[in-house]
Amino acid sequence: MIPCDKCNARSIIYQKYSGRHLCSHHFEEDVHRKVREVLRPYRIFGKPCRIGVAVSGGKDSTSLLCILHSLFSDREDVELIAISIDEGIEGYRSGTLDAARSVAKRLNLDHVVRSFKDVYDVTTDEMALQDHKQGPCTFCGVLRRNLLNRTARELGADALATGHNLDDEAQTVMLNYLKGDIDRLYRLRPRRVLEGMVPRIKPLRRVPEKEVAIYAMTHDLPMDFSSCPYITRAIRQEVKSTLNEFEAKHPGTRYSIMRGFDRILDLQAPSESYQVVPCTLCGEPSSNGICASCKLLEKIRGIQGV
């Protein structure tokens, strides 16, 4: 038995990047500390607020919901609402939605489910069958973000929390580096509140994916470990594999990427000259009159001249 570096209890994890062995208690304490440090600059929880939590049913989102509940369950002025999106992926989403419902019920939290079919009259499976230059992940991602924002806004949420972990954030930063997309890189930083947009927070951005999984297992969270059948088509998977190799050889690589990214954010950012205006088709926030969701939906429906 390898003891915890902070006590004599049995360790459950060895953090290569920190060189520490941690028991279940001090591991949970470490995760909660990282989450609190991420949330502190947002200054959302210092006043009465309603937080929408995007819950897919996977390990990240169920852990996020559990962590936020643990941190704020004694605060009567903080309300958590679980929000799930059914994209319409046969043989995959039904199982994850069951897990999301289970954890929300276990924590005695309201759970709202919205579907692509009801709102957009199309499913991800139907989009995947069409011949588009972009893969189904592009369409699914844009429409899911749009529907999450709409749902959170309709519920009166002051913020929308998503389960993006350290691995996810490092991958996104690297993707934008590889594409040379500096403007999109700067959009990853917390921004001023835009009309119609619910502020997004990423409480797990400093917690490695492996540690999120361990947190879920140690808390016996109901979750689904299956992968979306379309994920193999995304370039993100290649970046993920590359970063995993670097992390194995050089522990702390992901943290280094994010530290460098945060330093870049401290520099002068590109000017944001665009104004947010209502989409002429659906009324949602847009930078040029037609939002990204409507542009993609018009492609799906075969409408020309977008």
Protein backbone atom coordinates (compact mmCIF):
# COMPACT_ATOMS: atom_id res chain seq x y z
CA MET A 1 0.00 0.00 0.00
CA ILE A 2 1.31 3.44 -0.96
CA PRO A 3 0.24 6.05 1.60
CA CYS A 4 -1.13 9.47 0.82
CA ASP A 5 1.51 12.21 0.95
CA LYS A 6 -0.76 14.24 3.22
CA CYS A 7 -1.85 11.50 5.61
CA ASN A 8 -1.38 7.77 6.24
CA ALA A 9 -4.47 6.69 4.35
CA ARG A 10 -4.20 4.51 1.22
CA SER A 11 -3.59 6.59 -1.89
CA ILE A 12 -5.89 6.17 -4.88
CA ILE A 13 -3.98 8.28 -7.38
CA TYR A 14 -0.46 9.34 -8.27
CA GLN A 15 -0.30 12.75 -9.94
CA LYS A 16 2.78 12.61 -12.15
CA TYR A 17 2.69 16.34 -12.82
CA SER A 18 2.71 17.18 -9.08
CA GLY A 19 4.63 14.12 -7.81
CA ARG A 20 2.02 13.47 -5.13
CA HIS A 21 0.11 10.40 -3.98
CA LEU A 22 -3.36 11.30 -2.71
CA CYS A 23 -6.01 9.38 -0.76
CA SER A 24 -9.70 9.70 -1.69
CA HIS A 25 -10.26 12.53 0.81
CA HIS A 26 -7.31 14.66 -0.26
CA PHE A 27 -7.95 13.86 -3.92
CA GLU A 28 -11.49 15.24 -3.62
CA GLU A 29 -10.12 18.22 -1.73
CA ASP A 30 -7.64 18.86 -4.56
CA VAL A 31 -10.35 18.68 -7.24
CA HIS A 32 -12.64 21.02 -5.30
CA ARG A 33 -9.75 23.45 -4.82
CA LYS A 34 -9.08 23.60 -8.54
CA VAL A 35 -12.76 24.18 -9.27
CA ARG A 36 -13.04 26.96 -6.69
CA GLU A 37 -9.95 28.67 -8.15
CA VAL A 38 -11.52 28.62 -11.61
CA LEU A 39 -14.85 29.96 -10.36
CA ARG A 40 -13.44 32.72 -8.16
CA PRO A 41 -12.71 35.26 -10.96
CA TYR A 42 -16.26 34.94 -12.34
CA ARG A 43 -17.70 36.29 -9.06
CA ILE A 44 -21.01 34.65 -9.84
CA PHE A 45 -21.56 32.75 -6.63
CA GLY A 46 -21.20 35.75 -4.33
CA LYS A 47 -24.84 36.64 -4.86
CA PRO A 48 -28.17 34.87 -5.44
CA CYS A 49 -27.94 33.04 -8.75
CA ARG A 50 -29.36 30.26 -10.90
CA ILE A 51 -26.82 28.09 -12.72
CA GLY A 52 -27.73 25.90 -15.66
CA VAL A 53 -25.45 22.86 -15.84
CA ALA A 54 -25.06 21.14 -19.21
CA VAL A 55 -25.31 17.42 -18.41
CA SER A 56 -24.80 14.88 -21.19
CA GLY A 57 -24.55 11.88 -18.88
CA GLY A 58 -20.84 11.30 -19.44
CA LYS A 59 -18.23 11.32 -16.69
CA ASP A 60 -17.34 15.01 -17.09
CA SER A 61 -20.82 16.49 -16.87
CA THR A 62 -22.07 14.16 -14.13
CA SER A 63 -18.95 14.89 -12.07
CA LEU A 64 -19.41 18.61 -12.67
CA LEU A 65 -22.99 18.48 -11.43
CA CYS A 66 -21.93 16.52 -8.35
CA ILE A 67 -19.02 18.87 -7.59
CA LEU A 68 -21.12 22.03 -7.89
CA HIS A 69 -23.81 20.44 -5.72
CA SER A 70 -21.19 19.57 -3.10
CA LEU A 71 -19.75 23.08 -3.11
CA PHE A 72 -23.04 24.97 -3.03
CA SER A 73 -25.70 22.65 -1.58
CA ASP A 74 -25.65 24.63 1.68
CA ARG A 75 -26.32 27.89 -0.17
CA GLU A 76 -30.05 28.56 -0.38
CA ASP A 77 -29.40 31.44 -2.77
CA VAL A 78 -27.66 29.24 -5.35
CA GLU A 79 -29.89 27.08 -7.57
CA LEU A 80 -28.59 24.40 -9.94
CA ILE A 81 -30.65 23.14 -12.91
CA ALA A 82 -29.46 20.24 -15.07
CA ILE A 83 -29.91 20.74 -18.83
CA SER A 84 -29.54 17.93 -21.36
CA ILE A 85 -29.71 18.03 -25.15
CA ASP A 86 -30.93 15.06 -27.20
CA GLU A 87 -29.19 15.41 -30.56
CA GLY A 88 -30.85 12.33 -31.96
CA ILE A 89 -28.03 9.78 -32.14
CA GLU A 90 -29.47 6.27 -32.26
CA GLY A 91 -27.97 3.76 -29.85
CA TYR A 92 -25.91 6.37 -28.01
CA ARG A 93 -27.79 9.35 -26.59
CA SER A 94 -30.59 7.38 -24.90
CA GLY A 95 -28.10 5.71 -22.55
CA THR A 96 -26.35 8.95 -21.62
CA LEU A 97 -29.67 10.68 -21.01
CA ASP A 98 -30.64 7.90 -18.60
CA ALA A 99 -27.41 8.54 -16.69
CA ALA A 100 -28.08 12.29 -16.63
CA ARG A 101 -31.60 11.75 -15.30
CA SER A 102 -30.29 9.38 -12.65
CA VAL A 103 -27.68 11.75 -11.24
CA ALA A 104 -30.07 14.73 -11.30
CA LYS A 105 -32.67 12.68 -9.41
CA ARG A 106 -30.04 11.48 -6.93
CA LEU A 107 -29.08 15.09 -6.17
CA ASN A 108 -32.74 16.18 -6.12
CA LEU A 109 -32.21 18.73 -8.90
CA ASP A 110 -34.58 19.80 -11.67
CA HIS A 111 -33.66 18.31 -15.04
CA VAL A 112 -34.70 19.81 -18.39
CA VAL A 113 -34.28 17.89 -21.67
CA ARG A 114 -34.55 19.54 -25.11
CA SER A 115 -34.21 17.74 -28.45
CA PHE A 116 -32.93 18.67 -31.91
CA LYS A 117 -35.97 17.03 -33.48
CA ASP A 118 -38.46 19.13 -31.54
CA VAL A 119 -36.62 22.42 -32.03
CA TYR A 120 -34.86 22.06 -35.41
CA ASP A 121 -36.90 19.23 -36.96
CA VAL A 122 -33.68 17.33 -37.73
CA THR A 123 -31.43 14.88 -35.88
CA THR A 124 -27.67 14.41 -35.96
CA ASP A 125 -28.19 10.99 -37.54
CA GLU A 126 -30.16 12.62 -40.38
CA MET A 127 -27.47 15.29 -40.84
CA ALA A 128 -24.74 12.63 -40.96
CA LEU A 129 -26.47 10.93 -43.91
CA GLN A 130 -26.35 14.11 -45.98
CA ASP A 131 -23.41 14.97 -48.21
CA HIS A 132 -21.87 18.05 -46.62
CA LYS A 133 -18.29 19.28 -46.70
CA GLN A 134 -18.35 19.69 -42.93
CA GLY A 135 -18.64 16.57 -40.82
CA PRO A 136 -21.65 15.95 -38.57
CA CYS A 137 -19.68 17.16 -35.53
CA THR A 138 -19.67 20.70 -36.95
CA PHE A 139 -23.44 20.81 -37.34
CA CYS A 140 -24.10 19.02 -34.06
CA GLY A 141 -21.73 21.24 -32.07
CA VAL A 142 -23.15 24.54 -33.33
CA LEU A 143 -26.77 23.49 -32.88
CA ARG A 144 -26.12 22.02 -29.42
CA ARG A 145 -24.46 25.23 -28.20
CA ASN A 146 -27.32 27.26 -29.60
CA LEU A 147 -29.96 25.12 -27.91
CA LEU A 148 -28.09 25.07 -24.60
CA ASN A 149 -27.93 28.87 -24.61
CA ARG A 150 -31.60 29.22 -25.55
CA THR A 151 -32.68 26.77 -22.86
CA ALA A 152 -30.51 28.36 -20.16
CA ARG A 153 -31.83 31.81 -21.08
CA GLU A 154 -35.45 30.64 -21.02
CA LEU A 155 -34.86 29.15 -17.57
CA GLY A 156 -33.52 32.49 -16.34
CA ALA A 157 -30.02 31.14 -15.69
CA ASP A 158 -27.32 33.61 -14.68
CA ALA A 159 -24.63 31.30 -16.11
CA LEU A 160 -24.27 28.05 -18.03
CA ALA A 161 -21.67 25.60 -16.68
CA THR A 162 -20.16 23.05 -19.07
CA GLY A 163 -18.02 20.00 -18.29
CA HIS A 164 -14.95 20.90 -20.35
CA ASN A 165 -11.91 19.50 -18.54
CA LEU A 166 -8.21 20.34 -18.81
CA ASP A 167 -7.71 17.91 -21.70
CA ASP A 168 -10.60 19.44 -23.65
CA GLU A 169 -9.30 22.98 -23.17
CA ALA A 170 -5.71 22.11 -24.12
CA GLN A 171 -6.98 20.33 -27.24
CA THR A 172 -9.05 23.38 -28.24
CA VAL A 173 -6.09 25.71 -27.79
CA MET A 174 -3.86 23.43 -29.90
CA LEU A 175 -6.52 23.13 -32.61
CA ASN A 176 -6.64 26.90 -32.98
CA TYR A 177 -2.84 27.09 -32.99
CA LEU A 178 -2.72 24.52 -35.80
CA LYS A 179 -5.36 26.40 -37.79
CA GLY A 180 -3.71 29.75 -37.14
CA ASP A 181 -7.07 31.05 -35.94
CA ILE A 182 -5.99 33.75 -33.49
CA ASP A 183 -9.38 35.46 -33.39
CA ARG A 184 -11.10 32.26 -32.31
CA LEU A 185 -8.32 31.65 -29.80
CA TYR A 186 -9.13 34.94 -28.09
CA ARG A 187 -12.82 34.10 -28.06
CA LEU A 188 -12.04 31.32 -25.59
CA ARG A 189 -11.42 33.88 -22.86
CA PRO A 190 -14.23 35.03 -20.55
CA ARG A 191 -15.95 37.93 -22.30
CA ARG A 192 -18.31 40.69 -21.42
CA VAL A 193 -21.96 39.69 -21.28
CA LEU A 194 -23.50 39.92 -24.74
CA GLU A 195 -27.20 40.49 -25.27
CA GLY A 196 -29.02 37.17 -25.52
CA MET A 197 -25.99 35.15 -24.48
CA VAL A 198 -25.90 33.39 -21.12
CA PRO A 199 -22.37 33.66 -19.65
CA ARG A 200 -20.50 30.34 -19.85
CA ILE A 201 -18.27 28.95 -17.16
CA LYS A 202 -15.95 25.94 -17.30
CA PRO A 203 -15.34 24.87 -13.69
CA LEU A 204 -13.32 21.77 -14.68
CA ARG A 205 -10.83 23.54 -16.98
CA ARG A 206 -7.96 22.83 -14.55
CA VAL A 207 -8.92 19.22 -13.79
CA PRO A 208 -7.37 16.50 -16.02
CA GLU A 209 -9.77 14.09 -17.71
CA LYS A 210 -8.29 11.12 -15.83
CA GLU A 211 -8.98 12.80 -12.50
CA VAL A 212 -12.54 13.62 -13.52
CA ALA A 213 -13.05 9.91 -14.27
CA ILE A 214 -11.57 8.91 -10.90
CA TYR A 215 -13.83 11.44 -9.17
CA ALA A 216 -16.86 9.90 -10.90
CA MET A 217 -15.85 6.38 -9.91
CA THR A 218 -15.07 7.23 -6.28
CA HIS A 219 -18.50 8.86 -5.97
CA ASP A 220 -20.26 5.97 -7.71
CA LEU A 221 -21.87 8.31 -10.20
CA PRO A 222 -24.27 6.84 -12.76
CA MET A 223 -22.76 7.58 -16.13
CA ASP A 224 -22.23 6.23 -19.61
CA PHE A 225 -18.69 5.70 -20.93
CA SER A 226 -19.74 5.06 -24.55
CA SER A 227 -18.39 7.33 -27.28
CA CYS A 228 -20.35 9.17 -29.91
CA PRO A 229 -20.22 7.13 -33.15
CA TYR A 230 -19.24 10.25 -35.14
CA ILE A 231 -16.31 11.33 -32.98
CA THR A 232 -13.75 9.45 -35.11
CA ARG A 233 -14.43 11.86 -37.95
CA ALA A 234 -13.22 14.86 -35.96
CA ILE A 235 -9.66 16.26 -36.22
CA ARG A 236 -9.83 16.82 -32.47
CA GLN A 237 -9.23 13.08 -31.98
CA GLU A 238 -5.86 13.37 -33.71
CA VAL A 239 -4.89 16.30 -31.49
CA LYS A 240 -6.09 14.39 -28.43
CA SER A 241 -3.91 11.39 -29.27
CA THR A 242 -0.87 13.58 -29.86
CA LEU A 243 -1.31 15.44 -26.56
CA ASN A 244 -1.80 12.16 -24.70
CA GLU A 245 1.58 10.98 -26.03
CA PHE A 246 3.27 14.21 -24.97
CA GLU A 247 1.65 14.08 -21.54
CA ALA A 248 2.83 10.50 -21.00
CA LYS A 249 6.42 11.46 -21.85
CA HIS A 250 6.34 14.93 -20.31
CA PRO A 251 3.88 15.14 -17.38
CA GLY A 252 2.34 18.58 -17.04
CA THR A 253 2.26 19.34 -20.78
CA ARG A 254 -1.46 20.21 -20.71
CA TYR A 255 -1.00 22.57 -17.78
CA SER A 256 1.90 24.22 -19.62
CA ILE A 257 -0.25 24.75 -22.71
CA MET A 258 -2.98 26.40 -20.63
CA ARG A 259 -0.50 28.56 -18.70
CA GLY A 260 0.92 29.79 -21.99
CA PHE A 261 -2.57 30.41 -23.32
CA ASP A 262 -3.54 32.38 -20.21
CA ARG A 263 -0.43 34.54 -20.64
CA ILE A 264 -1.43 35.23 -24.24
CA LEU A 265 -4.81 36.41 -22.99
CA ASP A 266 -3.03 39.00 -20.85
CA LEU A 267 -1.65 40.58 -24.02
CA GLN A 268 -3.55 43.03 -26.19
CA ALA A 269 -6.43 41.16 -27.80
CA PRO A 270 -7.61 41.73 -31.38
CA SER A 271 -10.32 44.36 -31.58
CA GLU A 272 -13.86 43.04 -31.51
CA SER A 273 -15.59 45.45 -33.84
CA TYR A 274 -18.66 43.35 -34.54
CA GLN A 275 -21.93 44.05 -32.82
CA VAL A 276 -24.36 41.44 -31.62
CA VAL A 277 -27.69 41.73 -33.40
CA PRO A 278 -30.75 39.46 -33.47
CA CYS A 279 -30.73 36.81 -36.19
CA THR A 280 -33.25 37.76 -38.88
CA LEU A 281 -34.46 34.16 -39.08
CA CYS A 282 -34.71 32.97 -35.45
CA GLY A 283 -34.00 36.00 -33.26
CA GLU A 284 -30.99 34.46 -31.52
CA PRO A 285 -27.75 36.50 -31.06
CA SER A 286 -25.76 36.95 -34.29
CA SER A 287 -22.75 38.97 -35.43
CA ASN A 288 -23.93 39.61 -39.00
CA GLY A 289 -27.71 39.18 -39.16
CA ILE A 290 -27.91 35.40 -39.60
CA CYS A 291 -26.63 33.18 -36.78
CA ALA A 292 -24.38 30.17 -37.32
CA SER A 293 -27.18 27.75 -36.46
CA CYS A 294 -29.52 29.12 -39.11
CA LYS A 295 -26.76 29.09 -41.72
CA LEU A 296 -26.12 25.40 -41.06
CA LEU A 297 -29.83 24.58 -40.93
CA GLU A 298 -30.30 26.22 -44.32
CA LYS A 299 -27.53 24.02 -45.72
CA ILE A 300 -29.19 20.97 -44.24
CA ARG A 301 -32.54 21.91 -45.75
CA GLY A 302 -30.99 22.60 -49.13
CA ILE A 303 -31.80 26.32 -49.16
CA GLN A 304 -29.60 28.19 -51.61
CA GLY A 305 -28.06 31.65 -51.32
CA VAL A 306 -27.03 31.47 -47.66
